N, C-alpha and C. Protein backbone atom coordinates (compact mmCIF):
# COMPACT_ATOMS: atom_id res chain seq x y z
N UNK A 1 114.47 93.68 96.95
CA UNK A 1 113.77 92.54 96.42
C UNK A 1 113.20 91.63 97.51
N UNK A 2 114.00 91.34 98.53
CA UNK A 2 113.55 90.43 99.59
C UNK A 2 112.41 91.05 100.40
N UNK A 3 112.52 92.31 100.72
CA UNK A 3 111.44 92.98 101.47
C UNK A 3 110.15 93.01 100.66
N UNK A 4 110.28 93.26 99.37
CA UNK A 4 109.10 93.30 98.50
C UNK A 4 108.46 91.91 98.45
N UNK A 5 109.29 90.86 98.34
CA UNK A 5 108.75 89.50 98.33
C UNK A 5 108.05 89.18 99.65
N UNK A 6 108.62 89.62 100.76
CA UNK A 6 108.00 89.39 102.06
C UNK A 6 106.66 90.12 102.16
N UNK A 7 106.59 91.33 101.62
CA UNK A 7 105.34 92.09 101.64
C UNK A 7 104.28 91.41 100.78
N UNK A 8 104.70 90.86 99.64
CA UNK A 8 103.76 90.14 98.78
C UNK A 8 103.26 88.88 99.48
N UNK A 9 104.16 88.16 100.14
CA UNK A 9 103.76 86.95 100.87
C UNK A 9 102.74 87.29 101.96
N UNK A 10 102.99 88.38 102.68
CA UNK A 10 102.06 88.82 103.72
C UNK A 10 100.70 89.15 103.12
N UNK A 11 100.70 89.80 101.98
CA UNK A 11 99.46 90.15 101.29
C UNK A 11 98.70 88.88 100.90
N UNK A 12 99.40 87.91 100.37
CA UNK A 12 98.75 86.68 99.91
C UNK A 12 98.12 85.90 101.05
N UNK A 13 98.78 85.83 102.19
CA UNK A 13 98.22 85.05 103.30
C UNK A 13 97.11 85.81 104.03
N UNK A 14 97.02 87.12 103.80
CA UNK A 14 95.98 87.92 104.47
C UNK A 14 94.59 87.61 103.93
N UNK A 15 94.51 87.15 102.68
CA UNK A 15 93.24 86.82 102.02
C UNK A 15 92.28 88.02 101.97
N UNK A 16 92.81 89.22 101.92
CA UNK A 16 91.97 90.42 101.82
C UNK A 16 91.42 90.56 100.41
N UNK A 17 90.16 90.95 100.27
CA UNK A 17 89.58 91.06 98.94
C UNK A 17 90.08 92.26 98.13
N UNK A 18 90.54 93.31 98.81
CA UNK A 18 91.00 94.52 98.14
C UNK A 18 92.50 94.70 98.36
N UNK A 19 93.24 94.78 97.27
CA UNK A 19 94.67 95.03 97.35
C UNK A 19 94.93 96.45 96.86
N UNK A 20 95.51 97.30 97.70
CA UNK A 20 95.94 98.65 97.32
C UNK A 20 97.46 98.61 97.24
N UNK A 21 98.02 98.81 96.06
CA UNK A 21 99.44 98.60 95.85
C UNK A 21 100.11 99.82 95.24
N UNK A 22 101.28 100.16 95.75
CA UNK A 22 102.09 101.24 95.20
C UNK A 22 103.39 100.63 94.69
N UNK A 23 103.56 100.64 93.38
CA UNK A 23 104.74 100.04 92.74
C UNK A 23 105.00 98.63 93.27
N UNK A 24 104.05 97.72 93.11
CA UNK A 24 104.17 96.40 93.71
C UNK A 24 105.33 95.55 93.20
N UNK A 25 105.84 95.85 92.02
CA UNK A 25 106.93 95.03 91.48
C UNK A 25 108.29 95.71 91.55
N UNK A 26 108.36 96.87 92.19
CA UNK A 26 109.63 97.59 92.30
C UNK A 26 110.65 96.72 93.03
N UNK A 27 111.82 96.56 92.44
CA UNK A 27 112.88 95.79 93.06
C UNK A 27 112.83 94.29 92.79
N UNK A 28 111.83 93.85 92.05
CA UNK A 28 111.72 92.43 91.73
C UNK A 28 112.37 92.14 90.38
N UNK A 29 112.87 90.92 90.22
CA UNK A 29 113.40 90.53 88.93
C UNK A 29 112.25 90.25 87.96
N UNK A 30 112.55 90.09 86.69
CA UNK A 30 111.53 89.93 85.65
C UNK A 30 110.62 88.72 85.92
N UNK A 31 111.19 87.60 86.33
CA UNK A 31 110.39 86.40 86.59
C UNK A 31 109.42 86.64 87.74
N UNK A 32 109.88 87.33 88.79
CA UNK A 32 109.02 87.62 89.94
C UNK A 32 107.92 88.61 89.56
N UNK A 33 108.25 89.59 88.70
CA UNK A 33 107.23 90.54 88.22
C UNK A 33 106.13 89.79 87.48
N UNK A 34 106.51 88.88 86.60
CA UNK A 34 105.54 88.12 85.82
C UNK A 34 104.70 87.21 86.72
N UNK A 35 105.33 86.61 87.70
CA UNK A 35 104.61 85.74 88.64
C UNK A 35 103.59 86.55 89.43
N UNK A 36 103.98 87.75 89.88
CA UNK A 36 103.05 88.59 90.64
C UNK A 36 101.91 89.09 89.75
N UNK A 37 102.21 89.38 88.48
CA UNK A 37 101.14 89.79 87.56
C UNK A 37 100.11 88.67 87.43
N UNK A 38 100.56 87.42 87.36
CA UNK A 38 99.63 86.30 87.30
C UNK A 38 98.82 86.18 88.59
N UNK A 39 99.46 86.44 89.74
CA UNK A 39 98.75 86.40 91.02
C UNK A 39 97.67 87.47 91.09
N UNK A 40 97.97 88.68 90.57
CA UNK A 40 96.97 89.74 90.56
C UNK A 40 95.78 89.34 89.68
N UNK A 41 96.06 88.76 88.52
CA UNK A 41 95.00 88.31 87.62
C UNK A 41 94.15 87.23 88.28
N UNK A 42 94.83 86.30 88.94
CA UNK A 42 94.12 85.22 89.64
C UNK A 42 93.24 85.78 90.76
N UNK A 43 93.78 86.73 91.52
CA UNK A 43 93.04 87.35 92.62
C UNK A 43 91.75 87.99 92.09
N UNK A 44 91.85 88.71 90.98
CA UNK A 44 90.67 89.34 90.39
C UNK A 44 89.70 88.30 89.86
N UNK A 45 90.22 87.23 89.29
CA UNK A 45 89.38 86.16 88.78
C UNK A 45 88.58 85.47 89.88
N UNK A 46 89.08 85.56 91.10
CA UNK A 46 88.40 84.96 92.25
C UNK A 46 87.50 85.97 92.95
N UNK A 47 87.27 87.13 92.31
CA UNK A 47 86.38 88.13 92.87
C UNK A 47 87.06 89.24 93.63
N UNK A 48 88.39 89.22 93.70
CA UNK A 48 89.12 90.28 94.40
C UNK A 48 89.27 91.52 93.54
N UNK A 49 89.75 92.58 94.16
CA UNK A 49 89.97 93.85 93.49
C UNK A 49 91.41 94.27 93.72
N UNK A 50 92.07 94.72 92.66
CA UNK A 50 93.43 95.23 92.76
C UNK A 50 93.45 96.66 92.24
N UNK A 51 93.94 97.57 93.07
CA UNK A 51 94.17 98.95 92.65
C UNK A 51 95.66 99.18 92.83
N UNK A 52 96.35 99.46 91.72
CA UNK A 52 97.81 99.58 91.77
C UNK A 52 98.29 100.83 91.06
N UNK A 53 99.24 101.51 91.67
CA UNK A 53 99.95 102.61 91.03
C UNK A 53 101.28 102.04 90.58
N UNK A 54 101.53 102.08 89.28
CA UNK A 54 102.75 101.47 88.75
C UNK A 54 103.19 102.14 87.47
N UNK A 55 104.48 102.04 87.18
CA UNK A 55 105.02 102.55 85.93
C UNK A 55 105.08 101.44 84.88
N UNK A 56 104.91 100.19 85.32
CA UNK A 56 104.99 99.05 84.42
C UNK A 56 103.60 98.51 84.10
N UNK A 57 103.35 98.16 82.86
CA UNK A 57 102.01 97.68 82.48
C UNK A 57 101.76 96.20 82.76
N UNK A 58 102.49 95.60 83.70
CA UNK A 58 102.29 94.19 84.01
C UNK A 58 100.94 93.94 84.64
N UNK A 59 100.31 92.87 84.25
CA UNK A 59 99.05 92.48 84.86
C UNK A 59 97.84 93.26 84.38
N UNK A 60 98.00 94.01 83.31
CA UNK A 60 96.89 94.83 82.83
C UNK A 60 96.05 94.14 81.76
N UNK A 61 96.44 92.95 81.36
CA UNK A 61 95.72 92.25 80.28
C UNK A 61 94.24 92.09 80.59
N UNK A 62 93.91 91.75 81.82
CA UNK A 62 92.52 91.53 82.18
C UNK A 62 91.90 92.68 82.93
N UNK A 63 92.52 93.85 82.89
CA UNK A 63 92.02 95.00 83.65
C UNK A 63 90.65 95.43 83.15
N UNK A 64 89.78 95.74 84.10
CA UNK A 64 88.45 96.25 83.74
C UNK A 64 88.46 97.76 83.58
N UNK A 65 89.40 98.41 84.23
CA UNK A 65 89.52 99.86 84.12
C UNK A 65 90.99 100.24 84.23
N UNK A 66 91.38 101.27 83.52
CA UNK A 66 92.75 101.74 83.52
C UNK A 66 92.74 103.26 83.52
N UNK A 67 93.45 103.85 84.47
CA UNK A 67 93.56 105.29 84.55
C UNK A 67 95.03 105.63 84.37
N UNK A 68 95.33 106.48 83.40
CA UNK A 68 96.72 106.85 83.14
C UNK A 68 96.92 108.34 83.38
N UNK A 69 98.00 108.66 84.08
CA UNK A 69 98.34 110.07 84.31
C UNK A 69 99.48 110.48 83.40
N UNK A 70 99.51 111.74 83.05
CA UNK A 70 100.56 112.24 82.19
C UNK A 70 101.75 112.76 82.96
N UNK A 71 101.54 113.25 84.18
CA UNK A 71 102.64 113.78 84.98
C UNK A 71 102.50 113.28 86.40
N UNK A 72 103.60 113.38 87.15
CA UNK A 72 103.56 113.03 88.56
C UNK A 72 103.59 111.59 88.75
């Protein structure tokens, strides 16, 4: 959890327009998952792009595109 939070903090201060994320909420508690989902939505609302591989549907409410795999 702490390492994941540190990685998220580093991402936020980097101000990069494109976020490539692999299981970004793994190891986070429910409140932190929801907070990060709001941050992803905010980032996109400000013109950023988020590409995430995840098993959880958090932050997909405002998604412009969604690709789902059946295996792997």
